[in-house]
Amino acid sequence: MKTLTFGSMGMTYPAVGAGLGCLMWALLAYLRSGIRDRLVPSSSVTPDSSVAEFAVGDD
């Protein structure tokens, strides 16, 4: 919205700055949301539990 406002008033550099700021926040939100992992699953196999399982031998 700021980008359009600044652009309509002929303020080119503030419009570009506001647009880049909006793009940065959108990219940050995308990367932190976890949607990337749901859309493109990683090829590595992860266990169901985060607890490591160790074989217990008789002592």
Protein backbone atom coordinates (compact mmCIF):
# COMPACT_ATOMS: atom_id res chain seq x y z
CA MET A 1 0.00 0.00 0.00
CA LYS A 2 2.83 2.38 0.83
CA THR A 3 4.48 1.51 -2.47
CA LEU A 4 1.42 2.61 -4.43
CA THR A 5 1.01 5.74 -2.34
CA PHE A 6 4.62 6.84 -2.75
CA GLY A 7 4.59 5.92 -6.43
CA SER A 8 1.44 7.91 -7.13
CA MET A 9 3.05 11.00 -5.58
CA GLY A 10 6.12 10.67 -7.79
CA MET A 11 8.39 9.56 -4.95
CA THR A 12 10.28 6.84 -6.80
CA TYR A 13 13.00 5.94 -4.30
CA PRO A 14 10.69 5.66 -1.28
CA ALA A 15 8.33 3.56 -3.40
CA VAL A 16 11.13 1.17 -4.34
CA GLY A 17 12.30 1.02 -0.72
CA ALA A 18 8.81 0.24 0.55
CA GLY A 19 8.39 -2.44 -2.12
CA LEU A 20 11.68 -4.09 -1.20
CA GLY A 21 10.77 -3.98 2.48
CA CYS A 22 7.46 -5.67 1.72
CA LEU A 23 9.25 -8.31 -0.33
CA MET A 24 11.72 -8.98 2.50
CA TRP A 25 8.92 -9.43 5.07
CA ALA A 26 7.01 -11.73 2.71
CA LEU A 27 10.13 -13.85 2.13
CA LEU A 28 10.81 -14.03 5.86
CA ALA A 29 7.24 -15.08 6.58
CA TYR A 30 7.41 -17.76 3.87
CA LEU A 31 10.68 -19.20 5.13
CA ARG A 32 9.57 -19.25 8.78
CA SER A 33 6.08 -20.62 8.14
CA GLY A 34 7.14 -24.19 7.34
CA ILE A 35 4.95 -24.30 4.23
CA ARG A 36 8.05 -24.93 2.14
CA ASP A 37 8.57 -28.29 3.90
CA ARG A 38 4.94 -29.26 3.35
CA LEU A 39 5.01 -28.37 -0.35
CA VAL A 40 8.41 -29.91 -1.12
CA PRO A 41 9.16 -32.74 1.31
CA SER A 42 12.81 -33.31 2.02
CA SER A 43 14.41 -36.48 0.72
CA SER A 44 15.97 -37.39 4.07
CA VAL A 45 14.10 -39.85 6.24
CA THR A 46 13.32 -38.58 9.70
CA PRO A 47 12.25 -40.82 12.56
CA ASP A 48 8.79 -40.50 14.05
CA SER A 49 10.28 -39.55 17.39
CA SER A 50 13.07 -37.15 18.18
CA VAL A 51 14.25 -39.45 20.98
CA ALA A 52 17.22 -41.61 20.05
CA GLU A 53 16.78 -45.33 20.43
CA PHE A 54 19.68 -47.39 21.69
CA ALA A 55 19.97 -51.13 21.98
CA VAL A 56 20.25 -52.22 25.59
CA GLY A 57 22.44 -55.22 26.23
CA ASP A 58 22.50 -57.52 29.23
CA ASP A 59 25.22 -56.49 31.65
